[in-house]
Every structure is written in C-alpha cells, then in structure tokens.
Amino acid sequence: MDSEKDSVQEAAWSERLDGLDDAVLPFQVDALDVRGRTVRLGPALDAMLAHHDYPGAVKRALGEAVALAVLLGSSLKFEGRFILQTQTDGP
C-alpha cells in the first residue's frame, strides 16, 4: 500500500515541477519525518553563465554554489542578504 501511495505522490511531484524553472519548492516525507527544499534553476543560471567563458568544471561548481545559496537564502527568516564566498588555491 505504501508503494502505491509513494507512486501517486511522485507523480504529483513531477506534475508540480513540469515546466517550472527558477523556483524553490518545499517538500515533506511524513513517514520518514523529513522536510527539505528542492531548487530548480534554468534561465536565471543560464543568464549568469552566458556572460562568462568559464570552463565546464567551473560552470558546474558555480551552478552548485548558486543552488546552495538559493536554498540557504530561501530558508532564512529575516530580510537581508545572503552572501556565499569561496576561495581556492587555483584550478
């Protein structure tokens, strides 16, 4: 019975995401006492990356950093800015 319920919930989740870009959606799995958020980036991330000629690895890392910043920033309960800063020793 649980697998049937899971399939229905998965189908509903897929419908919510269909055609949705640049959005953060909360989710909850009651049976596991789990809550979280998922982010789907599209045109906004594409526009950021289009202005620079980054190598593929840098684009992937930047995309992950943007997704992380969006997820963390969307969960803050105050008006303000969230800044994610990183530093490396090179490529």
PDB file of N, CA and C in Angstrom:
ATOM      1  N   MET A   1       0.818  -1.191   0.000  1.00  0.00           N
ATOM      2  CA  MET A   1       0.000   0.000   0.000  1.00  0.00           C
ATOM      3  C   MET A   1       0.863   1.257   0.000  1.00  0.00           C
ATOM      4  N   ASP A   2       1.979   1.228   0.737  1.00  0.00           N
ATOM      5  CA  ASP A   2       2.849   2.398   0.797  1.00  0.00           C
ATOM      6  C   ASP A   2       3.465   2.713  -0.558  1.00  0.00           C
ATOM      7  N   SER A   3       3.835   1.681  -1.324  1.00  0.00           N
ATOM      8  CA  SER A   3       4.450   1.923  -2.628  1.00  0.00           C
ATOM      9  C   SER A   3       3.455   2.561  -3.589  1.00  0.00           C
ATOM     10  N   GLU A   4       2.182   2.196  -3.484  1.00  0.00           N
ATOM     11  CA  GLU A   4       1.151   2.818  -4.321  1.00  0.00           C
ATOM     12  C   GLU A   4       0.998   4.292  -3.953  1.00  0.00           C
ATOM     13  N   LYS A   5       0.989   4.579  -2.669  1.00  0.00           N
ATOM     14  CA  LYS A   5       0.885   5.966  -2.198  1.00  0.00           C
ATOM     15  C   LYS A   5       2.111   6.763  -2.640  1.00  0.00           C
ATOM     16  N   ASP A   6       3.293   6.145  -2.554  1.00  0.00           N
ATOM     17  CA  ASP A   6       4.523   6.810  -2.984  1.00  0.00           C
ATOM     18  C   ASP A   6       4.483   7.130  -4.471  1.00  0.00           C
ATOM     19  N   SER A   7       3.954   6.208  -5.277  1.00  0.00           N
ATOM     20  CA  SER A   7       3.861   6.433  -6.724  1.00  0.00           C
ATOM     21  C   SER A   7       2.942   7.599  -7.041  1.00  0.00           C
ATOM     22  N   VAL A   8       1.835   7.690  -6.329  1.00  0.00           N
ATOM     23  CA  VAL A   8       0.895   8.797  -6.529  1.00  0.00           C
ATOM     24  C   VAL A   8       1.557  10.111  -6.139  1.00  0.00           C
ATOM     25  N   GLN A   9       2.263  10.121  -5.020  1.00  0.00           N
ATOM     26  CA  GLN A   9       2.942  11.339  -4.581  1.00  0.00           C
ATOM     27  C   GLN A   9       4.052  11.722  -5.549  1.00  0.00           C
ATOM     28  N   GLU A  10       4.777  10.742  -6.070  1.00  0.00           N
ATOM     29  CA  GLU A  10       5.845  11.021  -7.026  1.00  0.00           C
ATOM     30  C   GLU A  10       5.276  11.621  -8.311  1.00  0.00           C
ATOM     31  N   ALA A  11       4.152  11.105  -8.771  1.00  0.00           N
ATOM     32  CA  ALA A  11       3.508  11.643  -9.974  1.00  0.00           C
ATOM     33  C   ALA A  11       3.044  13.077  -9.735  1.00  0.00           C
ATOM     34  N   ALA A  12       2.484  13.339  -8.566  1.00  0.00           N
ATOM     35  CA  ALA A  12       2.037  14.698  -8.235  1.00  0.00           C
ATOM     36  C   ALA A  12       3.228  15.643  -8.173  1.00  0.00           C
ATOM     37  N   TRP A  13       4.331  15.171  -7.609  1.00  0.00           N
ATOM     38  CA  TRP A  13       5.547  15.988  -7.516  1.00  0.00           C
ATOM     39  C   TRP A  13       6.078  16.315  -8.906  1.00  0.00           C
ATOM     40  N   SER A  14       6.089  15.328  -9.798  1.00  0.00           N
ATOM     41  CA  SER A  14       6.562  15.542 -11.165  1.00  0.00           C
ATOM     42  C   SER A  14       5.696  16.563 -11.887  1.00  0.00           C
ATOM     43  N   GLU A  15       4.392  16.517 -11.662  1.00  0.00           N
ATOM     44  CA  GLU A  15       3.486  17.491 -12.276  1.00  0.00           C
ATOM     45  C   GLU A  15       3.791  18.895 -11.793  1.00  0.00           C
ATOM     46  N   ARG A  16       4.084  19.046 -10.510  1.00  0.00           N
ATOM     47  CA  ARG A  16       4.394  20.373  -9.959  1.00  0.00           C
ATOM     48  C   ARG A  16       5.653  20.945 -10.587  1.00  0.00           C
ATOM     49  N   LEU A  17       6.632  20.084 -10.875  1.00  0.00           N
ATOM     50  CA  LEU A  17       7.903  20.544 -11.425  1.00  0.00           C
ATOM     51  C   LEU A  17       7.869  20.742 -12.933  1.00  0.00           C
ATOM     52  N   ASP A  18       6.910  20.128 -13.600  1.00  0.00           N
ATOM     53  CA  ASP A  18       6.855  20.173 -15.055  1.00  0.00           C
ATOM     54  C   ASP A  18       6.719  21.615 -15.546  1.00  0.00           C
ATOM     55  N   GLY A  19       7.708  22.070 -16.305  1.00  0.00           N
ATOM     56  CA  GLY A  19       7.685  23.424 -16.855  1.00  0.00           C
ATOM     57  C   GLY A  19       8.048  24.504 -15.857  1.00  0.00           C
ATOM     58  N   LEU A  20       8.473  24.135 -14.677  1.00  0.00           N
ATOM     59  CA  LEU A  20       8.800  25.113 -13.645  1.00  0.00           C
ATOM     60  C   LEU A  20      10.310  25.307 -13.585  1.00  0.00           C
ATOM     61  N   ASP A  21      10.755  26.541 -13.752  1.00  0.00           N
ATOM     62  CA  ASP A  21      12.177  26.863 -13.667  1.00  0.00           C
ATOM     63  C   ASP A  21      12.383  28.002 -12.678  1.00  0.00           C
ATOM     64  N   ASP A  22      13.603  28.113 -12.183  1.00  0.00           N
ATOM     65  CA  ASP A  22      13.978  29.188 -11.268  1.00  0.00           C
ATOM     66  C   ASP A  22      13.025  29.249 -10.073  1.00  0.00           C
ATOM     67  N   ALA A  23      12.895  28.127  -9.389  1.00  0.00           N
ATOM     68  CA  ALA A  23      11.968  28.052  -8.262  1.00  0.00           C
ATOM     69  C   ALA A  23      12.534  27.170  -7.152  1.00  0.00           C
ATOM     70  N   VAL A  24      12.074  27.444  -5.944  1.00  0.00           N
ATOM     71  CA  VAL A  24      12.393  26.619  -4.779  1.00  0.00           C
ATOM     72  C   VAL A  24      11.076  26.035  -4.281  1.00  0.00           C
ATOM     73  N   LEU A  25      11.037  24.721  -4.124  1.00  0.00           N
ATOM     74  CA  LEU A  25       9.826  24.062  -3.647  1.00  0.00           C
ATOM     75  C   LEU A  25      10.123  23.284  -2.374  1.00  0.00           C
ATOM     76  N   PRO A  26       9.326  23.503  -1.337  1.00  0.00           N
ATOM     77  CA  PRO A  26       9.492  22.710  -0.122  1.00  0.00           C
ATOM     78  C   PRO A  26       8.871  21.324  -0.306  1.00  0.00           C
ATOM     79  N   PHE A  27       9.370  20.348   0.451  1.00  0.00           N
ATOM     80  CA  PHE A  27       8.773  19.016   0.435  1.00  0.00           C
ATOM     81  C   PHE A  27       8.837  18.432   1.831  1.00  0.00           C
ATOM     82  N   GLN A  28       7.992  17.429   2.063  1.00  0.00           N
ATOM     83  CA  GLN A  28       7.933  16.768   3.355  1.00  0.00           C
ATOM     84  C   GLN A  28       7.589  15.304   3.133  1.00  0.00           C
ATOM     85  N   VAL A  29       8.306  14.419   3.819  1.00  0.00           N
ATOM     86  CA  VAL A  29       8.023  12.985   3.790  1.00  0.00           C
ATOM     87  C   VAL A  29       7.624  12.605   5.209  1.00  0.00           C
ATOM     88  N   ASP A  30       6.316  12.548   5.439  1.00  0.00           N
ATOM     89  CA  ASP A  30       5.804  12.314   6.787  1.00  0.00           C
ATOM     90  C   ASP A  30       6.269  10.987   7.375  1.00  0.00           C
ATOM     91  N   ALA A  31       6.291   9.947   6.567  1.00  0.00           N
ATOM     92  CA  ALA A  31       6.660   8.619   7.075  1.00  0.00           C
ATOM     93  C   ALA A  31       8.088   8.586   7.599  1.00  0.00           C
ATOM     94  N   LEU A  32       8.943   9.444   7.077  1.00  0.00           N
ATOM     95  CA  LEU A  32      10.344   9.465   7.498  1.00  0.00           C
ATOM     96  C   LEU A  32      10.681  10.667   8.369  1.00  0.00           C
ATOM     97  N   ASP A  33       9.681  11.499   8.640  1.00  0.00           N
ATOM     98  CA  ASP A  33       9.890  12.718   9.418  1.00  0.00           C
ATOM     99  C   ASP A  33      11.004  13.568   8.800  1.00  0.00           C
ATOM    100  N   VAL A  34      10.889  13.786   7.493  1.00  0.00           N
ATOM    101  CA  VAL A  34      11.897  14.529   6.731  1.00  0.00           C
ATOM    102  C   VAL A  34      11.237  15.719   6.054  1.00  0.00           C
ATOM    103  N   ARG A  35      11.889  16.861   6.135  1.00  0.00           N
ATOM    104  CA  ARG A  35      11.457  18.049   5.399  1.00  0.00           C
ATOM    105  C   ARG A  35      12.663  18.610   4.676  1.00  0.00           C
ATOM    106  N   GLY A  36      12.418  19.292   3.581  1.00  0.00           N
ATOM    107  CA  GLY A  36      13.517  19.891   2.842  1.00  0.00           C
ATOM    108  C   GLY A  36      13.013  20.808   1.759  1.00  0.00           C
ATOM    109  N   ARG A  37      13.917  21.213   0.914  1.00  0.00           N
ATOM    110  CA  ARG A  37      13.593  22.077  -0.217  1.00  0.00           C
ATOM    111  C   ARG A  37      14.367  21.578  -1.418  1.00  0.00           C
ATOM    112  N   THR A  38      13.778  21.769  -2.571  1.00  0.00           N
ATOM    113  CA  THR A  38      14.469  21.457  -3.812  1.00  0.00           C
ATOM    114  C   THR A  38      14.475  22.710  -4.672  1.00  0.00           C
ATOM    115  N   VAL A  39      15.549  22.885  -5.396  1.00  0.00           N
ATOM    116  CA  VAL A  39      15.669  24.065  -6.252  1.00  0.00           C
ATOM    117  C   VAL A  39      15.804  23.600  -7.690  1.00  0.00           C
ATOM    118  N   ARG A  40      15.190  24.344  -8.566  1.00  0.00           N
ATOM    119  CA  ARG A  40      15.313  24.066  -9.998  1.00  0.00           C
ATOM    120  C   ARG A  40      15.692  25.372 -10.676  1.00  0.00           C
ATOM    121  N   LEU A  41      16.901  25.406 -11.196  1.00  0.00           N
ATOM    122  CA  LEU A  41      17.411  26.611 -11.847  1.00  0.00           C
ATOM    123  C   LEU A  41      17.436  26.401 -13.350  1.00  0.00           C
ATOM    124  N   GLY A  42      17.050  27.404 -14.075  1.00  0.00           N
ATOM    125  CA  GLY A  42      17.023  27.331 -15.533  1.00  0.00           C
ATOM    126  C   GLY A  42      17.543  28.619 -16.131  1.00  0.00           C
ATOM    127  N   PRO A  43      16.638  29.459 -16.639  1.00  0.00           N
ATOM    128  CA  PRO A  43      17.048  30.684 -17.324  1.00  0.00           C
ATOM    129  C   PRO A  43      17.904  31.629 -16.471  1.00  0.00           C
ATOM    130  N   ALA A  44      17.648  31.705 -15.181  1.00  0.00           N
ATOM    131  CA  ALA A  44      18.437  32.616 -14.337  1.00  0.00           C
ATOM    132  C   ALA A  44      19.900  32.178 -14.298  1.00  0.00           C
ATOM    133  N   LEU A  45      20.141  30.896 -14.099  1.00  0.00           N
ATOM    134  CA  LEU A  45      21.515  30.391 -14.074  1.00  0.00           C
ATOM    135  C   LEU A  45      22.142  30.478 -15.458  1.00  0.00           C
ATOM    136  N   ASP A  46      21.373  30.156 -16.480  1.00  0.00           N
ATOM    137  CA  ASP A  46      21.883  30.257 -17.855  1.00  0.00           C
ATOM    138  C   ASP A  46      22.334  31.680 -18.167  1.00  0.00           C
ATOM    139  N   ALA A  47      21.555  32.664 -17.722  1.00  0.00           N
ATOM    140  CA  ALA A  47      21.904  34.071 -17.969  1.00  0.00           C
ATOM    141  C   ALA A  47      23.191  34.452 -17.240  1.00  0.00           C
ATOM    142  N   MET A  48      23.363  33.954 -16.015  1.00  0.00           N
ATOM    143  CA  MET A  48      24.592  34.246 -15.263  1.00  0.00           C
ATOM    144  C   MET A  48      25.815  33.679 -15.976  1.00  0.00           C
ATOM    145  N   LEU A  49      25.697  32.443 -16.429  1.00  0.00           N
ATOM    146  CA  LEU A  49      26.836  31.771 -17.050  1.00  0.00           C
ATOM    147  C   LEU A  49      27.119  32.279 -18.460  1.00  0.00           C
ATOM    148  N   ALA A  50      26.116  32.814 -19.135  1.00  0.00           N
ATOM    149  CA  ALA A  50      26.281  33.271 -20.519  1.00  0.00           C
ATOM    150  C   ALA A  50      27.216  34.471 -20.629  1.00  0.00           C
ATOM    151  N   HIS A  51      27.363  35.215 -19.557  1.00  0.00           N
ATOM    152  CA  HIS A  51      28.196  36.422 -19.587  1.00  0.00           C
ATOM    153  C   HIS A  51      29.684  36.127 -19.426  1.00  0.00           C
ATOM    154  N   HIS A  52      30.035  34.867 -19.193  1.00  0.00           N
ATOM    155  CA  HIS A  52      31.425  34.496 -18.935  1.00  0.00           C
ATOM    156  C   HIS A  52      31.790  33.249 -19.735  1.00  0.00           C
ATOM    157  N   ASP A  53      33.040  33.137 -20.083  1.00  0.00           N
ATOM    158  CA  ASP A  53      33.527  31.981 -20.836  1.00  0.00           C
ATOM    159  C   ASP A  53      34.263  31.029 -19.885  1.00  0.00           C
ATOM    160  N   TYR A  54      33.522  30.478 -18.915  1.00  0.00           N
ATOM    161  CA  TYR A  54      34.117  29.582 -17.935  1.00  0.00           C
ATOM    162  C   TYR A  54      34.270  28.177 -18.511  1.00  0.00           C
ATOM    163  N   PRO A  55      35.310  27.453 -18.073  1.00  0.00           N
ATOM    164  CA  PRO A  55      35.410  26.031 -18.435  1.00  0.00           C
ATOM    165  C   PRO A  55      34.251  25.245 -17.806  1.00  0.00           C
ATOM    166  N   GLY A  56      33.989  24.054 -18.337  1.00  0.00           N
ATOM    167  CA  GLY A  56      32.872  23.242 -17.858  1.00  0.00           C
ATOM    168  C   GLY A  56      32.891  22.971 -16.365  1.00  0.00           C
ATOM    169  N   ALA A  57      34.075  22.662 -15.815  1.00  0.00           N
ATOM    170  CA  ALA A  57      34.169  22.366 -14.379  1.00  0.00           C
ATOM    171  C   ALA A  57      33.801  23.580 -13.539  1.00  0.00           C
ATOM    172  N   VAL A  58      34.189  24.754 -13.994  1.00  0.00           N
ATOM    173  CA  VAL A  58      33.867  25.984 -13.261  1.00  0.00           C
ATOM    174  C   VAL A  58      32.366  26.252 -13.348  1.00  0.00           C
ATOM    175  N   LYS A  59      31.783  26.032 -14.514  1.00  0.00           N
ATOM    176  CA  LYS A  59      30.336  26.223 -14.669  1.00  0.00           C
ATOM    177  C   LYS A  59      29.561  25.304 -13.730  1.00  0.00           C
ATOM    178  N   ARG A  60      29.982  24.047 -13.642  1.00  0.00           N
ATOM    179  CA  ARG A  60      29.306  23.104 -12.745  1.00  0.00           C
ATOM    180  C   ARG A  60      29.436  23.545 -11.291  1.00  0.00           C
ATOM    181  N   ALA A  61      30.652  23.923 -10.882  1.00  0.00           N
ATOM    182  CA  ALA A  61      30.870  24.352  -9.496  1.00  0.00           C
ATOM    183  C   ALA A  61      30.068  25.611  -9.189  1.00  0.00           C
ATOM    184  N   LEU A  62      30.043  26.544 -10.130  1.00  0.00           N
ATOM    185  CA  LEU A  62      29.279  27.774  -9.927  1.00  0.00           C
ATOM    186  C   LEU A  62      27.784  27.471  -9.853  1.00  0.00           C
ATOM    187  N   GLY A  63      27.310  26.567 -10.693  1.00  0.00           N
ATOM    188  CA  GLY A  63      25.901  26.170 -10.645  1.00  0.00           C
ATOM    189  C   GLY A  63      25.534  25.563  -9.305  1.00  0.00           C
ATOM    190  N   GLU A  64      26.404  24.713  -8.767  1.00  0.00           N
ATOM    191  CA  GLU A  64      26.161  24.113  -7.456  1.00  0.00           C
ATOM    192  C   GLU A  64      26.185  25.171  -6.359  1.00  0.00           C
ATOM    193  N   ALA A  65      27.110  26.118  -6.456  1.00  0.00           N
ATOM    194  CA  ALA A  65      27.190  27.183  -5.456  1.00  0.00           C
ATOM    195  C   ALA A  65      25.945  28.066  -5.503  1.00  0.00           C
ATOM    196  N   VAL A  66      25.472  28.371  -6.704  1.00  0.00           N
ATOM    197  CA  VAL A  66      24.254  29.180  -6.840  1.00  0.00           C
ATOM    198  C   VAL A  66      23.064  28.422  -6.258  1.00  0.00           C
ATOM    199  N   ALA A  67      22.955  27.134  -6.551  1.00  0.00           N
ATOM    200  CA  ALA A  67      21.857  26.336  -5.998  1.00  0.00           C
ATOM    201  C   ALA A  67      21.917  26.313  -4.474  1.00  0.00           C
ATOM    202  N   LEU A  68      23.108  26.149  -3.917  1.00  0.00           N
ATOM    203  CA  LEU A  68      23.277  26.156  -2.466  1.00  0.00           C
ATOM    204  C   LEU A  68      22.870  27.502  -1.876  1.00  0.00           C
ATOM    205  N   ALA A  69      23.315  28.586  -2.493  1.00  0.00           N
ATOM    206  CA  ALA A  69      22.973  29.919  -1.999  1.00  0.00           C
ATOM    207  C   ALA A  69      21.468  30.159  -2.064  1.00  0.00           C
ATOM    208  N   VAL A  70      20.834  29.711  -3.137  1.00  0.00           N
ATOM    209  CA  VAL A  70      19.383  29.876  -3.275  1.00  0.00           C
ATOM    210  C   VAL A  70      18.654  29.084  -2.194  1.00  0.00           C
ATOM    211  N   LEU A  71      19.063  27.838  -1.976  1.00  0.00           N
ATOM    212  CA  LEU A  71      18.409  27.014  -0.961  1.00  0.00           C
ATOM    213  C   LEU A  71      18.582  27.592   0.439  1.00  0.00           C
ATOM    214  N   LEU A  72      19.804  27.965   0.777  1.00  0.00           N
ATOM    215  CA  LEU A  72      20.046  28.529   2.110  1.00  0.00           C
ATOM    216  C   LEU A  72      19.366  29.882   2.268  1.00  0.00           C
ATOM    217  N   GLY A  73      19.477  30.721   1.253  1.00  0.00           N
ATOM    218  CA  GLY A  73      18.867  32.048   1.323  1.00  0.00           C
ATOM    219  C   GLY A  73      17.358  31.995   1.427  1.00  0.00           C
ATOM    220  N   SER A  74      16.734  31.020   0.781  1.00  0.00           N
ATOM    221  CA  SER A  74      15.272  30.925   0.820  1.00  0.00           C
ATOM    222  C   SER A  74      14.756  30.448   2.170  1.00  0.00           C
ATOM    223  N   SER A  75      15.619  29.878   2.981  1.00  0.00           N
ATOM    224  CA  SER A  75      15.176  29.377   4.280  1.00  0.00           C
ATOM    225  C   SER A  75      15.434  30.364   5.419  1.00  0.00           C
ATOM    226  N   LEU A  76      16.082  31.473   5.128  1.00  0.00           N
ATOM    227  CA  LEU A  76      16.349  32.464   6.171  1.00  0.00           C
ATOM    228  C   LEU A  76      15.063  33.173   6.567  1.00  0.00           C
ATOM    229  N   LYS A  77      14.946  33.497   7.834  1.00  0.00           N
ATOM    230  CA  LYS A  77      13.725  34.118   8.326  1.00  0.00           C
ATOM    231  C   LYS A  77      13.928  35.590   8.653  1.00  0.00           C
ATOM    232  N   PHE A  78      14.788  36.252   7.907  1.00  0.00           N
ATOM    233  CA  PHE A  78      14.976  37.683   8.102  1.00  0.00           C
ATOM    234  C   PHE A  78      15.165  38.341   6.751  1.00  0.00           C
ATOM    235  N   GLU A  79      14.853  39.614   6.700  1.00  0.00           N
ATOM    236  CA  GLU A  79      15.066  40.372   5.472  1.00  0.00           C
ATOM    237  C   GLU A  79      16.528  40.782   5.430  1.00  0.00           C
ATOM    238  N   GLY A  80      17.184  40.483   4.375  1.00  0.00           N
ATOM    239  CA  GLY A  80      18.592  40.825   4.261  1.00  0.00           C
ATOM    240  C   GLY A  80      19.206  40.120   3.078  1.00  0.00           C
ATOM    241  N   ARG A  81      20.505  39.993   3.106  1.00  0.00           N
ATOM    242  CA  ARG A  81      21.233  39.359   2.014  1.00  0.00           C
ATOM    243  C   ARG A  81      22.005  38.161   2.533  1.00  0.00           C
ATOM    244  N   PHE A  82      22.113  37.177   1.676  1.00  0.00           N
ATOM    245  CA  PHE A  82      22.938  36.009   1.960  1.00  0.00           C
ATOM    246  C   PHE A  82      24.068  36.022   0.941  1.00  0.00           C
ATOM    247  N   ILE A  83      25.293  35.990   1.415  1.00  0.00           N
ATOM    248  CA  ILE A  83      26.457  36.020   0.527  1.00  0.00           C
ATOM    249  C   ILE A  83      27.257  34.745   0.752  1.00  0.00           C
ATOM    250  N   LEU A  84      27.537  34.044  -0.334  1.00  0.00           N
ATOM    251  CA  LEU A  84      28.365  32.840  -0.284  1.00  0.00           C
ATOM    252  C   LEU A  84      29.711  33.188  -0.891  1.00  0.00           C
ATOM    253  N   GLN A  85      30.767  33.029  -0.122  1.00  0.00           N
ATOM    254  CA  GLN A  85      32.110  33.363  -0.596  1.00  0.00           C
ATOM    255  C   GLN A  85      32.981  32.121  -0.522  1.00  0.00           C
ATOM    256  N   THR A  86      33.734  31.872  -1.583  1.00  0.00           N
ATOM    257  CA  THR A  86      34.662  30.741  -1.595  1.00  0.00           C
ATOM    258  C   THR A  86      36.042  31.221  -2.010  1.00  0.00           C
ATOM    259  N   GLN A  87      37.041  30.414  -1.696  1.00  0.00           N
ATOM    260  CA  GLN A  87      38.412  30.751  -2.071  1.00  0.00           C
ATOM    261  C   GLN A  87      39.158  29.453  -2.349  1.00  0.00           C
ATOM    262  N   THR A  88      39.964  29.453  -3.401  1.00  0.00           N
ATOM    263  CA  THR A  88      40.757  28.271  -3.732  1.00  0.00           C
ATOM    264  C   THR A  88      42.197  28.676  -4.004  1.00  0.00           C
ATOM    265  N   ASP A  89      43.041  27.677  -4.137  1.00  0.00           N
ATOM    266  CA  ASP A  89      44.442  27.921  -4.480  1.00  0.00           C
ATOM    267  C   ASP A  89      44.680  27.838  -5.979  1.00  0.00           C
ATOM    268  N   GLY A  90      43.632  27.672  -6.732  1.00  0.00           N
ATOM    269  CA  GLY A  90      43.782  27.601  -8.185  1.00  0.00           C
ATOM    270  C   GLY A  90      42.923  26.514  -8.781  1.00  0.00           C
ATOM    271  N   PRO A  91      43.165  26.213 -10.049  1.00  0.00           N
ATOM    272  CA  PRO A  91      42.320  25.231 -10.730  1.00  0.00           C
ATOM    273  C   PRO A  91      42.502  23.888 -10.205  1.00  0.00           C
TER     274      PRO A  91
END
